[in-house]
Amino acid sequence: MQEWLDLAAAGLQEGKAHMEVVSVLKDEHGIGHGHANAIVAYVKQKLA
């Protein structure tokens, strides 16, 4: 789980859009859309 949180944080900090990061989690890590979206939303809120 921490690896996915770190990947999401890195992607967002690099300036990638929310859905770009969701797509990476889905395509490269096999996470379902809902879970990937929740991870990115959580990280986005923590970085704000």
PDB file of N, CA and C in Angstrom:
ATOM      1  N   MET A   1       0.824  -1.191   0.000  1.00  0.00           N
ATOM      2  CA  MET A   1       0.000   0.000   0.000  1.00  0.00           C
ATOM      3  C   MET A   1       0.873   1.262   0.000  1.00  0.00           C
ATOM      4  N   GLN A   2       1.914   1.257   0.834  1.00  0.00           N
ATOM      5  CA  GLN A   2       2.780   2.442   0.904  1.00  0.00           C
ATOM      6  C   GLN A   2       3.418   2.735  -0.441  1.00  0.00           C
ATOM      7  N   GLU A   3       3.763   1.700  -1.189  1.00  0.00           N
ATOM      8  CA  GLU A   3       4.351   1.905  -2.515  1.00  0.00           C
ATOM      9  C   GLU A   3       3.380   2.669  -3.417  1.00  0.00           C
ATOM     10  N   TRP A   4       2.107   2.321  -3.369  1.00  0.00           N
ATOM     11  CA  TRP A   4       1.103   3.001  -4.195  1.00  0.00           C
ATOM     12  C   TRP A   4       0.912   4.445  -3.737  1.00  0.00           C
ATOM     13  N   LEU A   5       0.907   4.664  -2.441  1.00  0.00           N
ATOM     14  CA  LEU A   5       0.795   6.030  -1.917  1.00  0.00           C
ATOM     15  C   LEU A   5       1.986   6.871  -2.370  1.00  0.00           C
ATOM     16  N   ASP A   6       3.170   6.285  -2.299  1.00  0.00           N
ATOM     17  CA  ASP A   6       4.380   6.992  -2.728  1.00  0.00           C
ATOM     18  C   ASP A   6       4.358   7.289  -4.223  1.00  0.00           C
ATOM     19  N   LEU A   7       3.898   6.329  -5.027  1.00  0.00           N
ATOM     20  CA  LEU A   7       3.803   6.542  -6.470  1.00  0.00           C
ATOM     21  C   LEU A   7       2.819   7.660  -6.794  1.00  0.00           C
ATOM     22  N   ALA A   8       1.696   7.652  -6.114  1.00  0.00           N
ATOM     23  CA  ALA A   8       0.698   8.697  -6.330  1.00  0.00           C
ATOM     24  C   ALA A   8       1.264  10.064  -5.947  1.00  0.00           C
ATOM     25  N   ALA A   9       1.932  10.128  -4.809  1.00  0.00           N
ATOM     26  CA  ALA A   9       2.514  11.398  -4.362  1.00  0.00           C
ATOM     27  C   ALA A   9       3.550  11.892  -5.361  1.00  0.00           C
ATOM     28  N   ALA A  10       4.397  11.011  -5.819  1.00  0.00           N
ATOM     29  CA  ALA A  10       5.434  11.402  -6.776  1.00  0.00           C
ATOM     30  C   ALA A  10       4.809  11.916  -8.067  1.00  0.00           C
ATOM     31  N   GLY A  11       3.810  11.207  -8.566  1.00  0.00           N
ATOM     32  CA  GLY A  11       3.153  11.635  -9.796  1.00  0.00           C
ATOM     33  C   GLY A  11       2.501  12.990  -9.661  1.00  0.00           C
ATOM     34  N   LEU A  12       1.803  13.203  -8.571  1.00  0.00           N
ATOM     35  CA  LEU A  12       1.140  14.495  -8.354  1.00  0.00           C
ATOM     36  C   LEU A  12       2.154  15.612  -8.184  1.00  0.00           C
ATOM     37  N   GLN A  13       3.253  15.338  -7.481  1.00  0.00           N
ATOM     38  CA  GLN A  13       4.276  16.355  -7.268  1.00  0.00           C
ATOM     39  C   GLN A  13       5.024  16.683  -8.560  1.00  0.00           C
ATOM     40  N   GLU A  14       5.027  15.736  -9.506  1.00  0.00           N
ATOM     41  CA  GLU A  14       5.643  15.986 -10.816  1.00  0.00           C
ATOM     42  C   GLU A  14       4.719  16.793 -11.718  1.00  0.00           C
ATOM     43  N   GLY A  15       3.498  17.034 -11.262  1.00  0.00           N
ATOM     44  CA  GLY A  15       2.559  17.821 -12.043  1.00  0.00           C
ATOM     45  C   GLY A  15       1.603  17.014 -12.890  1.00  0.00           C
ATOM     46  N   LYS A  16       1.605  15.688 -12.719  1.00  0.00           N
ATOM     47  CA  LYS A  16       0.662  14.857 -13.472  1.00  0.00           C
ATOM     48  C   LYS A  16      -0.751  15.119 -12.974  1.00  0.00           C
ATOM     49  N   ALA A  17      -1.691  15.018 -13.891  1.00  0.00           N
ATOM     50  CA  ALA A  17      -3.101  15.200 -13.548  1.00  0.00           C
ATOM     51  C   ALA A  17      -3.599  14.003 -12.740  1.00  0.00           C
ATOM     52  N   HIS A  18      -4.647  14.227 -11.975  1.00  0.00           N
ATOM     53  CA  HIS A  18      -5.257  13.190 -11.141  1.00  0.00           C
ATOM     54  C   HIS A  18      -5.473  11.900 -11.934  1.00  0.00           C
ATOM     55  N   MET A  19      -6.131  12.011 -13.089  1.00  0.00           N
ATOM     56  CA  MET A  19      -6.462  10.811 -13.858  1.00  0.00           C
ATOM     57  C   MET A  19      -5.239  10.160 -14.490  1.00  0.00           C
ATOM     58  N   GLU A  20      -4.188  10.916 -14.740  1.00  0.00           N
ATOM     59  CA  GLU A  20      -2.944  10.323 -15.225  1.00  0.00           C
ATOM     60  C   GLU A  20      -2.360   9.395 -14.171  1.00  0.00           C
ATOM     61  N   VAL A  21      -2.379   9.834 -12.925  1.00  0.00           N
ATOM     62  CA  VAL A  21      -1.850   9.021 -11.832  1.00  0.00           C
ATOM     63  C   VAL A  21      -2.745   7.798 -11.615  1.00  0.00           C
ATOM     64  N   VAL A  22      -4.051   7.997 -11.703  1.00  0.00           N
ATOM     65  CA  VAL A  22      -4.989   6.864 -11.599  1.00  0.00           C
ATOM     66  C   VAL A  22      -4.663   5.832 -12.676  1.00  0.00           C
ATOM     67  N   SER A  23      -4.429   6.287 -13.888  1.00  0.00           N
ATOM     68  CA  SER A  23      -4.124   5.378 -14.999  1.00  0.00           C
ATOM     69  C   SER A  23      -2.841   4.584 -14.755  1.00  0.00           C
ATOM     70  N   VAL A  24      -1.833   5.225 -14.192  1.00  0.00           N
ATOM     71  CA  VAL A  24      -0.584   4.521 -13.880  1.00  0.00           C
ATOM     72  C   VAL A  24      -0.850   3.397 -12.873  1.00  0.00           C
ATOM     73  N   LEU A  25      -1.594   3.711 -11.821  1.00  0.00           N
ATOM     74  CA  LEU A  25      -1.900   2.694 -10.814  1.00  0.00           C
ATOM     75  C   LEU A  25      -2.700   1.543 -11.415  1.00  0.00           C
ATOM     76  N   LYS A  26      -3.625   1.862 -12.294  1.00  0.00           N
ATOM     77  CA  LYS A  26      -4.446   0.837 -12.928  1.00  0.00           C
ATOM     78  C   LYS A  26      -3.634  -0.009 -13.900  1.00  0.00           C
ATOM     79  N   ASP A  27      -2.938   0.663 -14.818  1.00  0.00           N
ATOM     80  CA  ASP A  27      -2.256  -0.029 -15.910  1.00  0.00           C
ATOM     81  C   ASP A  27      -0.983  -0.750 -15.485  1.00  0.00           C
ATOM     82  N   GLU A  28      -0.234  -0.159 -14.580  1.00  0.00           N
ATOM     83  CA  GLU A  28       1.063  -0.731 -14.213  1.00  0.00           C
ATOM     84  C   GLU A  28       1.024  -1.552 -12.929  1.00  0.00           C
ATOM     85  N   HIS A  29      -0.054  -1.400 -12.148  1.00  0.00           N
ATOM     86  CA  HIS A  29      -0.096  -2.091 -10.861  1.00  0.00           C
ATOM     87  C   HIS A  29      -1.357  -2.923 -10.665  1.00  0.00           C
ATOM     88  N   GLY A  30      -2.236  -2.931 -11.669  1.00  0.00           N
ATOM     89  CA  GLY A  30      -3.413  -3.781 -11.637  1.00  0.00           C
ATOM     90  C   GLY A  30      -4.464  -3.402 -10.606  1.00  0.00           C
ATOM     91  N   ILE A  31      -4.472  -2.160 -10.188  1.00  0.00           N
ATOM     92  CA  ILE A  31      -5.452  -1.706  -9.199  1.00  0.00           C
ATOM     93  C   ILE A  31      -6.738  -1.334  -9.937  1.00  0.00           C
ATOM     94  N   GLY A  32      -7.880  -1.651  -9.357  1.00  0.00           N
ATOM     95  CA  GLY A  32      -9.152  -1.273  -9.946  1.00  0.00           C
ATOM     96  C   GLY A  32      -9.335   0.230  -9.950  1.00  0.00           C
ATOM     97  N   HIS A  33     -10.219   0.705 -10.816  1.00  0.00           N
ATOM     98  CA  HIS A  33     -10.414   2.139 -10.975  1.00  0.00           C
ATOM     99  C   HIS A  33     -10.818   2.823  -9.667  1.00  0.00           C
ATOM    100  N   GLY A  34     -11.777   2.263  -8.965  1.00  0.00           N
ATOM    101  CA  GLY A  34     -12.257   2.891  -7.734  1.00  0.00           C
ATOM    102  C   GLY A  34     -11.182   3.002  -6.675  1.00  0.00           C
ATOM    103  N   HIS A  35     -10.409   1.945  -6.516  1.00  0.00           N
ATOM    104  CA  HIS A  35      -9.346   1.975  -5.511  1.00  0.00           C
ATOM    105  C   HIS A  35      -8.225   2.931  -5.925  1.00  0.00           C
ATOM    106  N   ALA A  36      -7.861   2.909  -7.203  1.00  0.00           N
ATOM    107  CA  ALA A  36      -6.815   3.822  -7.680  1.00  0.00           C
ATOM    108  C   ALA A  36      -7.247   5.271  -7.500  1.00  0.00           C
ATOM    109  N   ASN A  37      -8.490   5.550  -7.812  1.00  0.00           N
ATOM    110  CA  ASN A  37      -9.015   6.906  -7.662  1.00  0.00           C
ATOM    111  C   ASN A  37      -9.001   7.330  -6.196  1.00  0.00           C
ATOM    112  N   ALA A  38      -9.382   6.427  -5.318  1.00  0.00           N
ATOM    113  CA  ALA A  38      -9.390   6.735  -3.881  1.00  0.00           C
ATOM    114  C   ALA A  38      -7.982   6.999  -3.365  1.00  0.00           C
ATOM    115  N   ILE A  39      -7.014   6.228  -3.814  1.00  0.00           N
ATOM    116  CA  ILE A  39      -5.622   6.425  -3.396  1.00  0.00           C
ATOM    117  C   ILE A  39      -5.139   7.805  -3.818  1.00  0.00           C
ATOM    118  N   VAL A  40      -5.397   8.155  -5.073  1.00  0.00           N
ATOM    119  CA  VAL A  40      -4.932   9.453  -5.584  1.00  0.00           C
ATOM    120  C   VAL A  40      -5.648  10.599  -4.854  1.00  0.00           C
ATOM    121  N   ALA A  41      -6.940  10.468  -4.645  1.00  0.00           N
ATOM    122  CA  ALA A  41      -7.688  11.510  -3.924  1.00  0.00           C
ATOM    123  C   ALA A  41      -7.165  11.673  -2.510  1.00  0.00           C
ATOM    124  N   TYR A  42      -6.878  10.584  -1.840  1.00  0.00           N
ATOM    125  CA  TYR A  42      -6.345  10.622  -0.474  1.00  0.00           C
ATOM    126  C   TYR A  42      -4.998  11.350  -0.455  1.00  0.00           C
ATOM    127  N   VAL A  43      -4.112  10.952  -1.347  1.00  0.00           N
ATOM    128  CA  VAL A  43      -2.777  11.559  -1.394  1.00  0.00           C
ATOM    129  C   VAL A  43      -2.879  13.039  -1.755  1.00  0.00           C
ATOM    130  N   LYS A  44      -3.734  13.353  -2.712  1.00  0.00           N
ATOM    131  CA  LYS A  44      -3.917  14.744  -3.130  1.00  0.00           C
ATOM    132  C   LYS A  44      -4.345  15.606  -1.939  1.00  0.00           C
ATOM    133  N   GLN A  45      -5.250  15.094  -1.143  1.00  0.00           N
ATOM    134  CA  GLN A  45      -5.736  15.836   0.042  1.00  0.00           C
ATOM    135  C   GLN A  45      -4.612  15.990   1.063  1.00  0.00           C
ATOM    136  N   LYS A  46      -3.795  14.976   1.249  1.00  0.00           N
ATOM    137  CA  LYS A  46      -2.699  15.048   2.217  1.00  0.00           C
ATOM    138  C   LYS A  46      -1.613  16.022   1.768  1.00  0.00           C
ATOM    139  N   LEU A  47      -1.440  16.169   0.471  1.00  0.00           N
ATOM    140  CA  LEU A  47      -0.417  17.077  -0.047  1.00  0.00           C
ATOM    141  C   LEU A  47      -0.879  18.532  -0.045  1.00  0.00           C
ATOM    142  N   ALA A  48      -2.165  18.742   0.058  1.00  0.00           N
ATOM    143  CA  ALA A  48      -2.718  20.114   0.007  1.00  0.00           C
ATOM    144  C   ALA A  48      -2.371  20.925   1.239  1.00  0.00           C
TER     145      ALA A  48
END
